[in-house]
Amino acid sequence: MSEKTIGVVIIGRNEGERLKACLNSAIGSTRKVVYVDSGSTDGSVELARGLGADVVKLDISIPFTAARARNEGFQHLIEQFPGLEFLQFIDGDCEVSGNWFELAEAYLLEHPDVAVVCGRRRERYPQASVYNMLCDIEWNTPVGEARACGGDALMRTKAFEQVEGFNPALIAGEEPELCVRIRRHGWKIWRLGAEMTLHDANMTRFSQWWKRNVRSGYAFALGAHLHGSSPEQHWVSEVRRGRVWGLYIPLIILVAMSFNPLFAFMFAVYPLQVIRIALKNGITNANNWVYALYVTLGKFPELQGQARFYRNLLFKSRSGIIEYKS
């Protein structure tokens, strides 16, 4: 790997030891690391500087988004090193796997039509809670050409600049939205089977899982609003599924029950949906059924997130970020 071609942008707030592991995994493997802090009170800024990273402290008087943080980190990086060819984004609760930088850069060098390459993100402690386990399953996406990446990815600077970076106004779903615009310029997104990062979701409560799904629902509605009318209908099906399972089916059943309480049997459609997902997904052992159950249940907080987005759209108000770790 050429240390002259890759820069790293790490974003975070109050990540503590997770940030330390993240910085140590990136510093020394690349030419330049920038940490963008969004108001930490746990000494993250001092930690990052002590480990040798440049630090950008966001102006907290301006509404924070991860998209804005990444953009500001990129600007800081590119102003100092305008020749950077590739850019690695990392969330501060992730640790980069050993040879990821070398593998990812080699792939981009060999495939000039690929703008973004990502690999396997895994949960560090999948057995710590059912919610961590669900994240680990969620990260296990197909290898090959993809429609989107997550918060950790190596990007071609040329492509990132071509689309003017992330949309800083988005409070969720900013990575897939960026990828929509990148692919419109003819670039490809690619997922490798290689290990990329270890993530620490640190979810131990049902309320955290619920908030995370509210955020997903908000992101789906926002993405469909921005790009749903395009030929690929970005996240339209996700929005539709949230409405069907979180709103339409319960309403139909309740209306039917107002005529005859025996129609309550129709609620059996939900356990049947769990069975369908479990049999289809192919996940081994009991995790198969747990995953299917939570995917089905997750349509209700997703619907809440959709409602939050459309309320903001109607009243032209701005929503703050939806944090599940708090």
Protein backbone atom coordinates (compact mmCIF):
# COMPACT_ATOMS: atom_id res chain seq x y z
CA MET A 1 0.00 0.00 0.00
CA SER A 2 1.22 3.47 -0.81
CA GLU A 3 1.05 5.63 2.30
CA LYS A 4 0.86 8.70 0.05
CA THR A 5 -2.53 7.84 -1.39
CA ILE A 6 -4.89 7.10 1.52
CA GLY A 7 -6.30 9.40 4.16
CA VAL A 8 -8.66 8.45 6.98
CA VAL A 9 -11.61 10.32 8.48
CA ILE A 10 -12.86 9.02 11.83
CA ILE A 11 -15.98 10.49 13.42
CA GLY A 12 -17.21 10.06 16.96
CA ARG A 13 -18.47 11.39 20.25
CA ASN A 14 -17.74 9.99 23.70
CA GLU A 15 -16.57 6.63 22.36
CA GLY A 16 -13.91 6.18 25.05
CA GLU A 17 -11.90 2.96 24.70
CA ARG A 18 -13.65 2.19 21.43
CA LEU A 19 -12.13 5.33 19.92
CA LYS A 20 -8.69 4.40 21.23
CA ALA A 21 -8.90 1.02 19.50
CA CYS A 22 -10.17 2.69 16.33
CA LEU A 23 -7.34 5.22 16.20
CA ASN A 24 -4.67 2.63 16.94
CA SER A 25 -5.95 0.47 14.10
CA ALA A 26 -5.74 3.35 11.62
CA ILE A 27 -2.71 5.38 12.67
CA GLY A 28 0.47 3.99 11.17
CA SER A 29 -1.36 2.25 8.36
CA THR A 30 -2.04 5.44 6.42
CA ARG A 31 -0.42 8.75 5.75
CA LYS A 32 -2.93 10.94 7.56
CA VAL A 33 -5.71 10.41 10.09
CA VAL A 34 -8.27 13.06 10.98
CA TYR A 35 -10.62 12.63 13.92
CA VAL A 36 -13.80 14.72 13.83
CA ASP A 37 -15.35 15.23 17.25
CA SER A 38 -18.94 16.30 17.82
CA GLY A 39 -18.81 17.59 21.36
CA SER A 40 -17.23 14.80 23.41
CA THR A 41 -16.88 15.27 27.16
CA ASP A 42 -14.83 12.13 27.85
CA GLY A 43 -11.41 13.34 26.72
CA SER A 44 -11.74 11.99 23.17
CA VAL A 45 -10.14 15.10 21.66
CA GLU A 46 -7.07 14.86 23.90
CA LEU A 47 -6.85 11.12 23.29
CA ALA A 48 -6.88 11.55 19.52
CA ARG A 49 -4.24 14.26 19.60
CA GLY A 50 -2.09 12.23 21.95
CA LEU A 51 -2.15 9.31 19.52
CA GLY A 52 -1.08 11.53 16.61
CA ALA A 53 -4.32 12.27 14.80
CA ASP A 54 -5.36 15.69 13.58
CA VAL A 55 -8.56 16.82 15.29
CA VAL A 56 -11.49 18.78 13.91
CA LYS A 57 -13.94 20.00 16.55
CA LEU A 58 -17.36 20.61 15.07
CA ASP A 59 -19.15 23.84 15.81
CA ILE A 60 -21.91 22.52 18.06
CA SER A 61 -24.06 25.62 17.42
CA ILE A 62 -24.77 24.09 13.99
CA PRO A 63 -26.99 20.97 14.02
CA PHE A 64 -24.82 17.87 14.03
CA THR A 65 -25.04 15.05 11.52
CA ALA A 66 -22.60 12.25 10.73
CA ALA A 67 -22.70 13.40 7.11
CA ARG A 68 -21.58 16.89 8.07
CA ALA A 69 -18.81 15.47 10.28
CA ARG A 70 -17.45 13.32 7.47
CA ASN A 71 -17.53 16.22 5.02
CA GLU A 72 -15.64 18.50 7.38
CA GLY A 73 -13.08 15.79 8.03
CA PHE A 74 -12.60 15.35 4.31
CA GLN A 75 -12.17 19.10 3.76
CA HIS A 76 -9.54 19.29 6.48
CA LEU A 77 -7.71 16.33 4.99
CA ILE A 78 -7.80 17.43 1.37
CA GLU A 79 -6.69 20.98 2.17
CA GLN A 80 -3.49 19.61 3.68
CA PHE A 81 -2.99 16.75 1.25
CA PRO A 82 -4.63 17.62 -2.07
CA GLY A 83 -3.06 14.60 -3.79
CA LEU A 84 -4.88 11.98 -1.75
CA GLU A 85 -6.26 9.37 -4.12
CA PHE A 86 -8.36 7.35 -1.67
CA LEU A 87 -10.34 8.17 1.43
CA GLN A 88 -11.30 5.77 4.23
CA PHE A 89 -14.26 6.68 6.41
CA ILE A 90 -14.53 4.94 9.78
CA ASP A 91 -17.01 5.28 12.63
CA GLY A 92 -15.34 5.83 15.98
CA ASP A 93 -16.86 2.68 17.50
CA CYS A 94 -15.11 0.48 14.93
CA GLU A 95 -11.64 -1.05 14.71
CA VAL A 96 -10.04 -1.67 11.31
CA SER A 97 -8.99 -5.24 10.57
CA GLY A 98 -5.29 -5.95 9.96
CA ASN A 99 -4.81 -5.93 6.18
CA TRP A 100 -7.96 -4.10 5.12
CA PHE A 101 -6.19 -1.00 3.78
CA GLU A 102 -3.90 -3.03 1.54
CA LEU A 103 -6.73 -5.20 0.18
CA ALA A 104 -9.10 -2.30 -0.42
CA GLU A 105 -6.54 -0.07 -2.12
CA ALA A 106 -5.37 -2.93 -4.34
CA TYR A 107 -8.95 -3.59 -5.42
CA LEU A 108 -9.57 0.05 -6.37
CA LEU A 109 -6.28 0.21 -8.27
CA GLU A 110 -7.23 -2.90 -10.23
CA HIS A 111 -10.84 -1.78 -10.89
CA PRO A 112 -10.92 1.83 -12.12
CA ASP A 113 -14.71 1.73 -12.54
CA VAL A 114 -15.26 1.12 -8.79
CA ALA A 115 -15.64 4.20 -6.61
CA VAL A 116 -16.39 2.63 -3.25
CA VAL A 117 -15.19 -0.64 -1.74
CA CYS A 118 -16.26 -2.07 1.59
CA GLY A 119 -15.81 -5.38 3.36
CA ARG A 120 -17.16 -7.34 6.28
CA ARG A 121 -18.21 -5.35 9.31
CA ARG A 122 -18.64 -7.63 12.32
CA GLU A 123 -19.89 -7.10 15.84
CA ARG A 124 -17.12 -7.38 18.42
CA TYR A 125 -19.42 -8.85 21.08
CA PRO A 126 -22.33 -10.54 19.26
CA GLN A 127 -23.09 -12.74 22.27
CA ALA A 128 -23.30 -9.84 24.71
CA SER A 129 -26.96 -9.22 23.88
CA VAL A 130 -29.62 -10.26 21.42
CA TYR A 131 -29.43 -6.75 19.95
CA ASN A 132 -25.70 -7.02 19.23
CA MET A 133 -26.36 -10.38 17.62
CA LEU A 134 -29.01 -8.82 15.38
CA CYS A 135 -26.48 -6.21 14.26
CA ASP A 136 -23.95 -8.91 13.43
CA ILE A 137 -26.53 -10.66 11.25
CA GLU A 138 -27.48 -7.35 9.61
CA TRP A 139 -23.86 -6.66 8.64
CA ASN A 140 -23.60 -10.02 6.84
CA THR A 141 -24.60 -8.77 3.39
CA PRO A 142 -23.82 -10.40 0.00
CA VAL A 143 -20.36 -10.09 -1.55
CA GLY A 144 -20.03 -8.50 -4.99
CA GLU A 145 -21.49 -5.44 -6.64
CA ALA A 146 -23.66 -3.56 -4.16
CA ARG A 147 -26.05 -0.64 -4.20
CA ALA A 148 -24.69 0.98 -1.05
CA CYS A 149 -22.07 0.92 1.68
CA GLY A 150 -22.20 1.68 5.39
CA GLY A 151 -20.25 4.12 7.53
CA ASP A 152 -16.96 2.28 6.98
CA ALA A 153 -15.72 2.28 3.37
CA LEU A 154 -12.75 3.19 1.19
CA MET A 155 -13.75 5.71 -1.47
CA ARG A 156 -12.09 7.15 -4.53
CA THR A 157 -11.53 10.85 -3.81
CA LYS A 158 -12.36 11.76 -7.41
CA ALA A 159 -15.82 10.19 -7.16
CA PHE A 160 -16.50 11.67 -3.72
CA GLU A 161 -15.67 15.16 -4.96
CA GLN A 162 -17.67 14.61 -8.16
CA VAL A 163 -20.91 14.26 -6.15
CA GLU A 164 -19.88 16.94 -3.62
CA GLY A 165 -19.70 14.52 -0.71
CA PHE A 166 -22.39 13.57 1.75
CA ASN A 167 -25.61 15.52 2.07
CA PRO A 168 -24.91 17.30 5.40
CA ALA A 169 -28.62 17.81 6.14
CA LEU A 170 -29.38 14.08 6.41
CA ILE A 171 -29.69 12.77 9.97
CA ALA A 172 -29.77 9.12 8.81
CA GLY A 173 -29.18 7.02 5.69
CA GLU A 174 -26.49 9.34 4.37
CA GLU A 175 -24.23 6.54 3.05
CA PRO A 176 -26.81 4.84 0.77
CA GLU A 177 -27.96 8.27 -0.43
CA LEU A 178 -24.37 9.16 -1.35
CA CYS A 179 -24.05 5.85 -3.20
CA VAL A 180 -27.18 6.57 -5.23
CA ARG A 181 -25.56 9.74 -6.55
CA ILE A 182 -22.19 8.05 -7.11
CA ARG A 183 -23.77 5.24 -9.16
CA ARG A 184 -25.64 7.80 -11.27
CA HIS A 185 -22.26 8.99 -12.48
CA GLY A 186 -21.45 5.51 -13.75
CA TRP A 187 -19.36 4.32 -10.82
CA LYS A 188 -19.73 0.95 -9.08
CA ILE A 189 -19.93 0.05 -5.39
CA TRP A 190 -18.27 -3.23 -4.41
CA ARG A 191 -18.34 -5.39 -1.30
CA LEU A 192 -15.41 -7.75 -0.65
CA GLY A 193 -15.55 -10.88 1.46
CA ALA A 194 -12.56 -9.68 3.48
CA GLU A 195 -12.81 -8.59 7.12
CA MET A 196 -12.97 -4.79 7.28
CA THR A 197 -13.96 -3.58 10.76
CA LEU A 198 -15.08 -4.74 14.17
CA HIS A 199 -18.04 -2.72 15.43
CA ASP A 200 -19.21 -2.31 19.02
CA ALA A 201 -22.94 -1.58 19.00
CA ASN A 202 -23.05 -1.80 22.81
CA MET A 203 -26.82 -2.35 22.76
CA THR A 204 -28.15 -3.92 25.92
CA ARG A 205 -31.71 -2.58 26.14
CA PHE A 206 -34.87 -3.04 24.11
CA SER A 207 -35.30 0.76 24.03
CA GLN A 208 -31.96 1.09 22.20
CA TRP A 209 -33.03 -1.45 19.61
CA TRP A 210 -36.34 0.39 19.18
CA LYS A 211 -34.63 3.76 18.64
CA ARG A 212 -32.26 2.23 16.12
CA ASN A 213 -35.23 0.99 14.11
CA VAL A 214 -36.97 4.36 14.41
CA ARG A 215 -33.84 5.82 12.82
CA SER A 216 -33.99 3.21 10.05
CA GLY A 217 -37.62 4.06 9.34
CA TYR A 218 -36.75 7.76 9.19
CA ALA A 219 -33.88 6.99 6.80
CA PHE A 220 -36.11 4.87 4.55
CA ALA A 221 -38.73 7.62 4.28
CA LEU A 222 -36.10 10.30 3.67
CA GLY A 223 -34.32 8.23 1.04
CA ALA A 224 -37.56 7.46 -0.77
CA HIS A 225 -38.51 11.13 -0.66
CA LEU A 226 -35.21 12.17 -2.26
CA HIS A 227 -34.75 9.37 -4.81
CA GLY A 228 -37.90 7.25 -4.79
CA SER A 229 -39.03 8.54 -8.17
CA SER A 230 -35.77 7.41 -9.83
CA PRO A 231 -35.79 4.20 -11.90
CA GLU A 232 -34.35 2.17 -9.01
CA GLN A 233 -36.99 3.55 -6.57
CA HIS A 234 -34.54 4.00 -3.73
CA TRP A 235 -36.00 2.56 -0.49
CA VAL A 236 -39.57 2.66 -1.77
CA SER A 237 -40.12 -1.02 -1.00
CA GLU A 238 -38.73 -0.57 2.53
CA VAL A 239 -41.17 2.26 3.17
CA ARG A 240 -44.03 0.22 1.76
CA ARG A 241 -43.24 -2.80 3.94
CA GLY A 242 -43.14 -0.61 7.04
CA ARG A 243 -46.57 0.76 6.27
CA VAL A 244 -48.10 -2.60 5.40
CA TRP A 245 -46.89 -4.47 8.50
CA GLY A 246 -46.83 -1.56 10.93
CA LEU A 247 -50.08 0.17 9.97
CA TYR A 248 -52.31 -1.28 7.25
CA ILE A 249 -52.58 -4.86 8.50
CA PRO A 250 -53.29 -3.89 12.14
CA LEU A 251 -55.91 -1.37 11.00
CA ILE A 252 -57.65 -3.91 8.78
CA ILE A 253 -57.75 -6.43 11.61
CA LEU A 254 -59.05 -3.92 14.15
CA VAL A 255 -61.79 -2.78 11.78
CA ALA A 256 -62.76 -6.40 11.13
CA MET A 257 -62.82 -7.08 14.87
CA SER A 258 -65.22 -4.17 15.39
CA PHE A 259 -67.73 -6.26 13.45
CA ASN A 260 -66.79 -9.61 14.94
CA PRO A 261 -64.16 -10.22 17.64
CA LEU A 262 -63.42 -13.60 16.09
CA PHE A 263 -61.48 -11.78 13.37
CA ALA A 264 -58.69 -11.52 15.95
CA PHE A 265 -57.40 -14.76 14.43
CA MET A 266 -56.07 -12.61 11.59
CA PHE A 267 -53.23 -11.52 13.86
CA ALA A 268 -51.79 -14.96 13.11
CA VAL A 269 -50.37 -13.35 9.97
CA TYR A 270 -47.51 -12.04 12.15
CA PRO A 271 -46.23 -15.40 13.46
CA LEU A 272 -46.67 -16.72 9.93
CA GLN A 273 -44.46 -13.90 8.68
CA VAL A 274 -41.85 -14.81 11.29
CA ILE A 275 -41.88 -18.40 10.04
CA ARG A 276 -41.60 -17.27 6.41
CA ILE A 277 -38.58 -15.05 7.12
CA ALA A 278 -36.91 -17.71 9.25
CA LEU A 279 -37.24 -20.36 6.56
CA LYS A 280 -36.15 -18.00 3.79
CA ASN A 281 -33.13 -16.40 5.41
CA GLY A 282 -31.02 -19.48 5.90
CA ILE A 283 -29.36 -18.30 9.11
CA THR A 284 -28.21 -21.28 11.14
CA ASN A 285 -29.47 -22.38 14.57
CA ALA A 286 -31.88 -20.53 16.86
CA ASN A 287 -30.61 -17.12 15.73
CA ASN A 288 -32.66 -17.71 12.60
CA TRP A 289 -35.90 -17.43 14.53
CA VAL A 290 -34.78 -14.59 16.76
CA TYR A 291 -33.77 -12.58 13.72
CA ALA A 292 -37.10 -13.28 11.98
CA LEU A 293 -39.03 -12.23 15.08
CA TYR A 294 -37.22 -8.91 15.44
CA VAL A 295 -37.39 -8.12 11.73
CA THR A 296 -41.16 -8.52 11.91
CA LEU A 297 -41.47 -6.55 15.15
CA GLY A 298 -39.15 -3.88 13.77
CA LYS A 299 -41.78 -2.66 11.32
CA PHE A 300 -43.54 -0.85 14.18
CA PRO A 301 -40.62 1.41 15.21
CA GLU A 302 -39.82 1.85 11.50
CA LEU A 303 -43.33 3.19 11.02
CA GLN A 304 -42.73 5.57 13.92
CA GLY A 305 -39.60 6.82 12.15
CA GLN A 306 -41.54 7.31 8.93
CA ALA A 307 -44.19 9.30 10.80
CA ARG A 308 -41.49 11.46 12.33
CA PHE A 309 -40.05 12.23 8.90
CA TYR A 310 -43.39 13.11 7.30
CA ARG A 311 -44.36 15.26 10.27
CA ASN A 312 -41.12 17.22 9.88
CA LEU A 313 -41.72 17.49 6.14
CA LEU A 314 -45.26 18.76 6.66
CA PHE A 315 -44.33 21.38 9.24
CA LYS A 316 -40.98 22.19 7.60
CA SER A 317 -39.16 21.43 10.84
CA ARG A 318 -35.75 19.89 11.34
CA SER A 319 -35.19 16.74 13.36
CA GLY A 320 -32.18 16.13 15.52
CA ILE A 321 -30.15 12.95 15.19
CA ILE A 322 -31.73 9.78 16.54
CA GLU A 323 -29.21 8.24 18.93
CA TYR A 324 -29.64 4.71 20.21
CA LYS A 325 -26.52 4.54 22.40
CA SER A 326 -27.65 7.22 24.81
